[in-house]
Amino acid sequence: MTWYVGLGVFAVVAIGLVVAVLYRRRHRPPTVKRTAHPRRNTGTEHASQTRHGSRERRERKRRRAHGRQVRRKRH
């Protein structure tokens, strides 16, 4: 008699899992299509289009140049 109970519990759990999986499959949020071109992180997405560039771009340029100068001085 006890193995009937174990089999019944197993059956209830298995049916519950199947129902849960089928429910989740049906109620998925719609997927958003990816863009056709790959996105490259260049660091200039939000930069201004002015001739001199934005303050952030100039600061990055200054820091890069400073690092190059410091490395050049080390012998």
N, C-alpha and C. Protein backbone atom coordinates (compact mmCIF):
# COMPACT_ATOMS: atom_id res chain seq x y z
N MET A 1 0.82 -1.19 0.00
CA MET A 1 0.00 0.00 0.00
C MET A 1 0.87 1.26 0.00
N THR A 2 2.04 1.22 0.65
CA THR A 2 2.85 2.44 0.76
C THR A 2 3.48 2.80 -0.59
N TRP A 3 3.80 1.83 -1.40
CA TRP A 3 4.40 2.19 -2.68
C TRP A 3 3.37 2.82 -3.61
N TYR A 4 2.08 2.54 -3.38
CA TYR A 4 1.03 3.24 -4.12
C TYR A 4 1.07 4.72 -3.82
N VAL A 5 1.27 5.05 -2.55
CA VAL A 5 1.33 6.45 -2.14
C VAL A 5 2.54 7.13 -2.79
N GLY A 6 3.69 6.47 -2.77
CA GLY A 6 4.89 7.03 -3.40
C GLY A 6 4.70 7.24 -4.89
N LEU A 7 4.06 6.25 -5.53
CA LEU A 7 3.80 6.38 -6.96
C LEU A 7 2.83 7.53 -7.24
N GLY A 8 1.83 7.68 -6.38
CA GLY A 8 0.87 8.77 -6.54
C GLY A 8 1.53 10.13 -6.38
N VAL A 9 2.40 10.25 -5.38
CA VAL A 9 3.10 11.52 -5.17
C VAL A 9 4.01 11.83 -6.37
N PHE A 10 4.72 10.81 -6.85
CA PHE A 10 5.57 11.00 -8.01
C PHE A 10 4.76 11.45 -9.23
N ALA A 11 3.60 10.82 -9.43
CA ALA A 11 2.75 11.17 -10.57
C ALA A 11 2.26 12.62 -10.45
N VAL A 12 1.86 13.03 -9.26
CA VAL A 12 1.37 14.40 -9.06
C VAL A 12 2.48 15.41 -9.34
N VAL A 13 3.69 15.12 -8.84
CA VAL A 13 4.82 16.04 -9.07
C VAL A 13 5.17 16.10 -10.55
N ALA A 14 5.20 14.94 -11.22
CA ALA A 14 5.54 14.91 -12.64
C ALA A 14 4.51 15.67 -13.47
N ILE A 15 3.24 15.47 -13.19
CA ILE A 15 2.20 16.17 -13.93
C ILE A 15 2.28 17.67 -13.65
N GLY A 16 2.56 18.03 -12.41
CA GLY A 16 2.71 19.46 -12.08
C GLY A 16 3.86 20.10 -12.84
N LEU A 17 4.98 19.40 -12.96
CA LEU A 17 6.11 19.94 -13.71
C LEU A 17 5.79 20.10 -15.19
N VAL A 18 5.11 19.11 -15.76
CA VAL A 18 4.74 19.20 -17.17
C VAL A 18 3.80 20.38 -17.40
N VAL A 19 2.81 20.55 -16.54
CA VAL A 19 1.88 21.66 -16.67
C VAL A 19 2.61 22.99 -16.53
N ALA A 20 3.54 23.09 -15.58
CA ALA A 20 4.29 24.33 -15.38
C ALA A 20 5.12 24.67 -16.60
N VAL A 21 5.79 23.68 -17.19
CA VAL A 21 6.62 23.93 -18.36
C VAL A 21 5.76 24.37 -19.54
N LEU A 22 4.66 23.68 -19.76
CA LEU A 22 3.78 24.05 -20.88
C LEU A 22 3.19 25.44 -20.68
N TYR A 23 2.82 25.79 -19.46
CA TYR A 23 2.26 27.11 -19.18
C TYR A 23 3.30 28.20 -19.44
N ARG A 24 4.53 27.96 -18.99
CA ARG A 24 5.58 28.98 -19.18
C ARG A 24 5.92 29.15 -20.65
N ARG A 25 5.87 28.05 -21.41
CA ARG A 25 6.16 28.15 -22.85
C ARG A 25 5.11 28.99 -23.56
N ARG A 26 3.88 28.80 -23.18
CA ARG A 26 2.80 29.51 -23.86
C ARG A 26 2.78 30.99 -23.48
N HIS A 27 3.16 31.32 -22.25
CA HIS A 27 3.06 32.70 -21.77
C HIS A 27 4.42 33.40 -21.72
N ARG A 28 5.23 33.18 -22.72
CA ARG A 28 6.52 33.87 -22.80
C ARG A 28 6.31 35.29 -23.28
N PRO A 29 7.14 36.22 -22.82
CA PRO A 29 7.06 37.57 -23.38
C PRO A 29 7.60 37.55 -24.81
N PRO A 30 7.11 38.42 -25.67
CA PRO A 30 7.60 38.40 -27.06
C PRO A 30 9.08 38.78 -27.12
N THR A 31 9.81 38.10 -27.99
CA THR A 31 11.24 38.36 -28.10
C THR A 31 11.47 39.56 -29.00
N VAL A 32 12.46 40.36 -28.65
CA VAL A 32 12.81 41.54 -29.44
C VAL A 32 13.89 41.14 -30.43
N LYS A 33 13.71 41.50 -31.70
CA LYS A 33 14.69 41.13 -32.72
C LYS A 33 15.96 41.94 -32.52
N ARG A 34 17.08 41.29 -32.72
CA ARG A 34 18.38 41.97 -32.61
C ARG A 34 18.61 42.83 -33.83
N THR A 35 19.48 43.82 -33.70
CA THR A 35 19.80 44.68 -34.83
C THR A 35 20.65 43.90 -35.84
N ALA A 36 20.62 44.32 -37.08
CA ALA A 36 21.33 43.61 -38.13
C ALA A 36 22.84 43.81 -38.02
N HIS A 37 23.27 44.98 -37.55
CA HIS A 37 24.70 45.24 -37.48
C HIS A 37 25.20 45.02 -36.05
N PRO A 38 26.42 44.54 -35.90
CA PRO A 38 26.95 44.33 -34.55
C PRO A 38 27.24 45.67 -33.88
N ARG A 39 27.04 45.70 -32.59
CA ARG A 39 27.26 46.94 -31.85
C ARG A 39 28.69 46.96 -31.34
N ARG A 40 29.41 48.00 -31.68
CA ARG A 40 30.79 48.14 -31.22
C ARG A 40 30.86 49.25 -30.19
N ASN A 41 31.52 48.98 -29.11
CA ASN A 41 31.63 49.98 -28.05
C ASN A 41 32.88 50.83 -28.32
N THR A 42 32.69 51.94 -29.00
CA THR A 42 33.82 52.78 -29.36
C THR A 42 34.03 53.91 -28.37
N GLY A 43 33.05 54.13 -27.49
CA GLY A 43 33.18 55.22 -26.53
C GLY A 43 32.75 56.56 -27.07
N THR A 44 32.21 56.60 -28.29
CA THR A 44 31.80 57.87 -28.88
C THR A 44 30.31 57.89 -29.20
N GLU A 45 29.52 57.04 -28.54
CA GLU A 45 28.10 56.97 -28.87
C GLU A 45 27.39 58.28 -28.57
N HIS A 46 27.72 58.89 -27.44
CA HIS A 46 27.01 60.09 -27.01
C HIS A 46 27.88 61.33 -27.16
N ALA A 47 28.91 61.27 -27.98
CA ALA A 47 29.80 62.41 -28.15
C ALA A 47 29.16 63.43 -29.08
N SER A 48 29.53 64.65 -28.89
CA SER A 48 28.98 65.69 -29.75
C SER A 48 29.64 65.62 -31.11
N GLN A 49 28.98 66.18 -32.10
CA GLN A 49 29.49 66.15 -33.47
C GLN A 49 30.21 67.45 -33.82
N THR A 50 30.62 68.23 -32.85
CA THR A 50 31.28 69.49 -33.14
C THR A 50 32.70 69.23 -33.65
N ARG A 51 33.32 70.27 -34.16
CA ARG A 51 34.65 70.11 -34.75
C ARG A 51 35.68 69.72 -33.71
N HIS A 52 35.55 70.25 -32.52
CA HIS A 52 36.54 69.97 -31.47
C HIS A 52 36.15 68.78 -30.60
N GLY A 53 34.93 68.33 -30.71
CA GLY A 53 34.50 67.21 -29.89
C GLY A 53 34.02 67.66 -28.53
N SER A 54 33.52 66.71 -27.76
CA SER A 54 32.98 67.05 -26.46
C SER A 54 34.10 67.16 -25.43
N ARG A 55 33.77 67.71 -24.30
CA ARG A 55 34.74 67.86 -23.22
C ARG A 55 35.25 66.50 -22.75
N GLU A 56 34.36 65.50 -22.72
CA GLU A 56 34.78 64.16 -22.29
C GLU A 56 35.78 63.55 -23.26
N ARG A 57 35.55 63.74 -24.56
CA ARG A 57 36.49 63.19 -25.55
C ARG A 57 37.84 63.86 -25.44
N ARG A 58 37.83 65.18 -25.25
CA ARG A 58 39.13 65.87 -25.10
C ARG A 58 39.86 65.40 -23.86
N GLU A 59 39.11 65.16 -22.79
CA GLU A 59 39.73 64.69 -21.55
C GLU A 59 40.32 63.29 -21.74
N ARG A 60 39.59 62.41 -22.42
CA ARG A 60 40.13 61.08 -22.69
C ARG A 60 41.38 61.16 -23.53
N LYS A 61 41.36 62.04 -24.54
CA LYS A 61 42.53 62.21 -25.39
C LYS A 61 43.73 62.70 -24.58
N ARG A 62 43.48 63.66 -23.69
CA ARG A 62 44.56 64.20 -22.87
C ARG A 62 45.14 63.12 -21.95
N ARG A 63 44.27 62.31 -21.36
CA ARG A 63 44.76 61.25 -20.47
C ARG A 63 45.56 60.20 -21.22
N ARG A 64 45.09 59.85 -22.42
CA ARG A 64 45.85 58.87 -23.22
C ARG A 64 47.21 59.41 -23.59
N ALA A 65 47.25 60.67 -24.02
CA ALA A 65 48.52 61.27 -24.41
C ALA A 65 49.45 61.36 -23.21
N HIS A 66 48.89 61.70 -22.06
CA HIS A 66 49.72 61.80 -20.85
C HIS A 66 50.33 60.44 -20.51
N GLY A 67 49.53 59.37 -20.63
CA GLY A 67 50.05 58.04 -20.35
C GLY A 67 51.17 57.66 -21.30
N ARG A 68 51.01 58.04 -22.59
CA ARG A 68 52.07 57.75 -23.56
C ARG A 68 53.34 58.51 -23.22
N GLN A 69 53.20 59.77 -22.82
CA GLN A 69 54.39 60.57 -22.48
C GLN A 69 55.10 59.98 -21.28
N VAL A 70 54.33 59.55 -20.28
CA VAL A 70 54.94 58.99 -19.07
C VAL A 70 55.68 57.70 -19.42
N ARG A 71 55.05 56.85 -20.25
CA ARG A 71 55.72 55.60 -20.62
C ARG A 71 56.97 55.86 -21.44
N ARG A 72 56.93 56.93 -22.27
CA ARG A 72 58.10 57.25 -23.09
C ARG A 72 59.27 57.71 -22.23
N LYS A 73 58.97 58.38 -21.11
CA LYS A 73 60.03 58.91 -20.25
C LYS A 73 60.73 57.79 -19.48
N ARG A 74 60.00 56.69 -19.23
CA ARG A 74 60.63 55.59 -18.49
C ARG A 74 61.57 54.83 -19.41
N HIS A 75 62.82 54.70 -19.03
CA HIS A 75 63.77 53.94 -19.84
C HIS A 75 64.28 52.76 -19.09
